[in-house]
C-alpha atoms as a PDB file:
ATOM      1  CA  UNK A   1       9.925  16.962  17.663  1.00  0.00           C
ATOM      2  CA  UNK A   2       7.773  18.450  14.920  1.00  0.00           C
ATOM      3  CA  UNK A   3       9.660  21.749  15.099  1.00  0.00           C
ATOM      4  CA  UNK A   4      12.947  20.079  14.127  1.00  0.00           C
ATOM      5  CA  UNK A   5      13.969  20.267  10.481  1.00  0.00           C
ATOM      6  CA  UNK A   6      15.609  16.841  10.479  1.00  0.00           C
ATOM      7  CA  UNK A   7      13.471  13.708  10.595  1.00  0.00           C
ATOM      8  CA  UNK A   8      13.287  12.228  14.081  1.00  0.00           C
ATOM      9  CA  UNK A   9      13.505   8.473  14.500  1.00  0.00           C
ATOM     10  CA  UNK A  10      11.984   6.727  17.489  1.00  0.00           C
ATOM     11  CA  UNK A  11      12.966   3.215  18.579  1.00  0.00           C
ATOM     12  CA  UNK A  12      11.383   0.997  21.201  1.00  0.00           C
ATOM     13  CA  UNK A  13      13.729  -1.695  22.468  1.00  0.00           C
ATOM     14  CA  UNK A  14      11.701  -2.740  25.498  1.00  0.00           C
ATOM     15  CA  UNK A  15       8.723  -0.978  26.983  1.00  0.00           C
ATOM     16  CA  UNK A  16       7.153   2.314  25.889  1.00  0.00           C
ATOM     17  CA  UNK A  17       4.451   3.023  28.432  1.00  0.00           C
ATOM     18  CA  UNK A  18       2.214   6.094  28.667  1.00  0.00           C
ATOM     19  CA  UNK A  19       3.984   9.253  27.469  1.00  0.00           C
ATOM     20  CA  UNK A  20       6.854   7.195  26.028  1.00  0.00           C
ATOM     21  CA  UNK A  21       4.281   5.497  23.770  1.00  0.00           C
ATOM     22  CA  UNK A  22       2.998   8.879  22.596  1.00  0.00           C
ATOM     23  CA  UNK A  23       6.582   9.960  21.835  1.00  0.00           C
ATOM     24  CA  UNK A  24       7.236   6.706  19.976  1.00  0.00           C
ATOM     25  CA  UNK A  25       4.292   7.417  17.670  1.00  0.00           C
ATOM     26  CA  UNK A  26       5.439  11.021  17.125  1.00  0.00           C
ATOM     27  CA  UNK A  27       8.557  10.041  15.147  1.00  0.00           C
ATOM     28  CA  UNK A  28       8.839  10.598  11.395  1.00  0.00           C
ATOM     29  CA  UNK A  29       6.213   8.342   9.839  1.00  0.00           C
ATOM     30  CA  UNK A  30       5.410   6.978   6.417  1.00  0.00           C
ATOM     31  CA  UNK A  31       3.711   9.646   4.320  1.00  0.00           C
ATOM     32  CA  UNK A  32       2.484   8.723   0.854  1.00  0.00           C
ATOM     33  CA  UNK A  33       5.188   6.070   0.577  1.00  0.00           C
ATOM     34  CA  UNK A  34       7.918   8.729   0.143  1.00  0.00           C
ATOM     35  CA  UNK A  35       9.423   8.153   3.553  1.00  0.00           C
ATOM     36  CA  UNK A  36      10.225   4.689   4.854  1.00  0.00           C
ATOM     37  CA  UNK A  37       9.272   5.742   8.346  1.00  0.00           C
ATOM     38  CA  UNK A  38      11.527   6.115  11.336  1.00  0.00           C
ATOM     39  CA  UNK A  39       9.320   4.620  14.051  1.00  0.00           C
ATOM     40  CA  UNK A  40      10.719   1.218  14.984  1.00  0.00           C
ATOM     41  CA  UNK A  41      10.198  -1.444  17.634  1.00  0.00           C
ATOM     42  CA  UNK A  42      12.015  -4.661  18.402  1.00  0.00           C
ATOM     43  CA  UNK A  43       9.946  -7.871  18.088  1.00  0.00           C
ATOM     44  CA  UNK A  44       9.459  -8.323  21.846  1.00  0.00           C
ATOM     45  CA  UNK A  45       8.725  -4.651  22.568  1.00  0.00           C
ATOM     46  CA  UNK A  46       5.558  -3.615  24.349  1.00  0.00           C
ATOM     47  CA  UNK A  47       3.676  -0.326  24.103  1.00  0.00           C
ATOM     48  CA  UNK A  48       0.963   0.735  26.534  1.00  0.00           C
ATOM     49  CA  UNK A  49      -1.172   3.849  26.281  1.00  0.00           C
ATOM     50  CA  UNK A  50      -3.831   5.266  28.534  1.00  0.00           C
ATOM     51  CA  UNK A  51      -5.620   8.521  29.076  1.00  0.00           C
ATOM     52  CA  UNK A  52      -3.680  10.898  31.345  1.00  0.00           C
ATOM     53  CA  UNK A  53      -5.117  11.156  34.849  1.00  0.00           C
ATOM     54  CA  UNK A  54      -4.405  13.322  37.837  1.00  0.00           C
ATOM     55  CA  UNK A  55      -5.939  13.935  41.201  1.00  0.00           C
ATOM     56  CA  UNK A  56      -7.070  17.448  42.056  1.00  0.00           C
ATOM     57  CA  UNK A  57      -7.454  18.811  45.560  1.00  0.00           C
ATOM     58  CA  UNK A  58      -8.380  22.112  47.037  1.00  0.00           C
ATOM     59  CA  UNK A  59     -11.185  24.550  46.517  1.00  0.00           C
ATOM     60  CA  UNK A  60     -13.867  23.962  43.910  1.00  0.00           C
ATOM     61  CA  UNK A  61     -12.284  26.557  41.593  1.00  0.00           C
ATOM     62  CA  UNK A  62      -8.902  24.813  41.850  1.00  0.00           C
ATOM     63  CA  UNK A  63     -10.457  21.450  41.007  1.00  0.00           C
ATOM     64  CA  UNK A  64     -12.344  22.958  38.046  1.00  0.00           C
ATOM     65  CA  UNK A  65      -9.167  24.596  36.729  1.00  0.00           C
ATOM     66  CA  UNK A  66      -7.231  21.348  37.118  1.00  0.00           C
ATOM     67  CA  UNK A  67      -9.983  19.388  35.338  1.00  0.00           C
ATOM     68  CA  UNK A  68     -10.082  21.895  32.465  1.00  0.00           C
ATOM     69  CA  UNK A  69      -6.313  21.677  32.059  1.00  0.00           C
ATOM     70  CA  UNK A  70      -6.428  17.893  32.075  1.00  0.00           C
ATOM     71  CA  UNK A  71      -9.158  17.894  29.407  1.00  0.00           C
ATOM     72  CA  UNK A  72      -7.059  20.285  27.291  1.00  0.00           C
ATOM     73  CA  UNK A  73      -4.033  17.987  27.554  1.00  0.00           C
ATOM     74  CA  UNK A  74      -6.101  14.892  26.715  1.00  0.00           C
ATOM     75  CA  UNK A  75      -7.617  16.658  23.691  1.00  0.00           C
ATOM     76  CA  UNK A  76      -4.158  17.685  22.448  1.00  0.00           C
ATOM     77  CA  UNK A  77      -2.576  14.250  22.967  1.00  0.00           C
ATOM     78  CA  UNK A  78      -5.458  12.348  21.376  1.00  0.00           C
ATOM     79  CA  UNK A  79      -5.540  14.681  18.348  1.00  0.00           C
ATOM     80  CA  UNK A  80      -1.783  14.275  17.854  1.00  0.00           C
ATOM     81  CA  UNK A  81      -2.075  10.515  18.263  1.00  0.00           C
ATOM     82  CA  UNK A  82      -4.878  10.463  15.673  1.00  0.00           C
ATOM     83  CA  UNK A  83      -2.657  12.344  13.212  1.00  0.00           C
ATOM     84  CA  UNK A  84       0.326  10.082  13.894  1.00  0.00           C
ATOM     85  CA  UNK A  85      -1.539   6.772  13.729  1.00  0.00           C
ATOM     86  CA  UNK A  86      -4.307   7.398  11.206  1.00  0.00           C
ATOM     87  CA  UNK A  87      -6.914   6.302  13.759  1.00  0.00           C
ATOM     88  CA  UNK A  88      -9.959   8.465  14.486  1.00  0.00           C
ATOM     89  CA  UNK A  89     -10.039  10.551  17.657  1.00  0.00           C
ATOM     90  CA  UNK A  90     -13.204   8.700  18.670  1.00  0.00           C
ATOM     91  CA  UNK A  91     -11.466   5.318  18.357  1.00  0.00           C
ATOM     92  CA  UNK A  92      -8.463   6.545  20.337  1.00  0.00           C
ATOM     93  CA  UNK A  93     -10.753   7.978  23.003  1.00  0.00           C
ATOM     94  CA  UNK A  94     -12.565   4.642  23.282  1.00  0.00           C
ATOM     95  CA  UNK A  95      -9.386   2.535  23.161  1.00  0.00           C
ATOM     96  CA  UNK A  96      -7.557   4.594  25.777  1.00  0.00           C
ATOM     97  CA  UNK A  97     -10.388   4.871  28.292  1.00  0.00           C
ATOM     98  CA  UNK A  98      -8.472   2.044  29.987  1.00  0.00           C
ATOM     99  CA  UNK A  99      -4.836   1.098  29.527  1.00  0.00           C
ATOM    100  CA  UNK A 100      -4.359  -0.470  26.109  1.00  0.00           C
ATOM    101  CA  UNK A 101      -1.329  -2.694  25.602  1.00  0.00           C
ATOM    102  CA  UNK A 102       0.221  -3.534  22.237  1.00  0.00           C
ATOM    103  CA  UNK A 103       2.858  -6.033  21.224  1.00  0.00           C
ATOM    104  CA  UNK A 104       5.095  -5.008  18.314  1.00  0.00           C
ATOM    105  CA  UNK A 105       2.778  -6.448  15.652  1.00  0.00           C
ATOM    106  CA  UNK A 106      -0.291  -4.790  17.174  1.00  0.00           C
ATOM    107  CA  UNK A 107       1.580  -1.459  17.429  1.00  0.00           C
ATOM    108  CA  UNK A 108       2.431  -1.767  13.730  1.00  0.00           C
ATOM    109  CA  UNK A 109      -1.190  -2.492  12.798  1.00  0.00           C
ATOM    110  CA  UNK A 110      -2.489   0.379  14.972  1.00  0.00           C
ATOM    111  CA  UNK A 111      -0.058   2.828  13.342  1.00  0.00           C
ATOM    112  CA  UNK A 112       2.146   3.539  16.357  1.00  0.00           C
ATOM    113  CA  UNK A 113       5.263   2.281  14.535  1.00  0.00           C
ATOM    114  CA  UNK A 114       6.291   1.783  10.915  1.00  0.00           C
ATOM    115  CA  UNK A 115       8.471  -1.289  11.142  1.00  0.00           C
ATOM    116  CA  UNK A 116       9.485  -4.116  13.411  1.00  0.00           C
ATOM    117  CA  UNK A 117      13.265  -4.311  13.461  1.00  0.00           C
ATOM    118  CA  UNK A 118      14.684  -7.766  13.870  1.00  0.00           C
ATOM    119  CA  UNK A 119      18.172  -8.059  15.357  1.00  0.00           C
ATOM    120  CA  UNK A 120      20.876  -9.478  13.083  1.00  0.00           C
ATOM    121  CA  UNK A 121      21.610 -13.158  13.400  1.00  0.00           C
ATOM    122  CA  UNK A 122      24.366 -14.213  15.745  1.00  0.00           C
ATOM    123  CA  UNK A 123      27.596 -14.856  13.887  1.00  0.00           C
ATOM    124  CA  UNK A 124      28.354 -18.496  13.152  1.00  0.00           C
ATOM    125  CA  UNK A 125      31.663 -18.374  15.050  1.00  0.00           C
ATOM    126  CA  UNK A 126      30.119 -16.965  18.251  1.00  0.00           C
ATOM    127  CA  UNK A 127      30.412 -19.253  21.286  1.00  0.00           C
ATOM    128  CA  UNK A 128      27.367 -21.406  21.885  1.00  0.00           C
ATOM    129  CA  UNK A 129      25.380 -21.159  25.096  1.00  0.00           C
ATOM    130  CA  UNK A 130      26.221 -24.705  26.106  1.00  0.00           C
ATOM    131  CA  UNK A 131      29.959 -24.293  25.416  1.00  0.00           C
ATOM    132  CA  UNK A 132      30.561 -23.212  29.006  1.00  0.00           C
ATOM    133  CA  UNK A 133      32.569 -20.322  30.354  1.00  0.00           C
ATOM    134  CA  UNK A 134      35.971 -22.038  30.427  1.00  0.00           C
ATOM    135  CA  UNK A 135      39.057 -20.628  28.755  1.00  0.00           C
ATOM    136  CA  UNK A 136      40.304 -23.797  27.211  1.00  0.00           C
END
């Protein structure tokens, strides 16, 4: 997304778990108050992040190679997340040692999103829930 010239907006309307949470945080963010930020979540959205994990099998060399690749990926993701959220890499490493869940307000405070988007009010002439499904 960073290679695109146009700003990229990210919106969470339900759940953004694992890599989806990383992508949510990677949208165009507020920088020096010149950009309003394009990372949004609905009020009841949930974000969950955790350190990537994989299982390695095979010979010792294969396991070592797999572990090195996993450590490289973790280092890259955590550094990008630190840039996108303003948190330190150490804090992210500590927070994501286990799955960390955020509601919309917590995601805003952590720096994963820029705004909580509230849906518009229902129009006054919309049928009420208790009006029933009849035609008459």
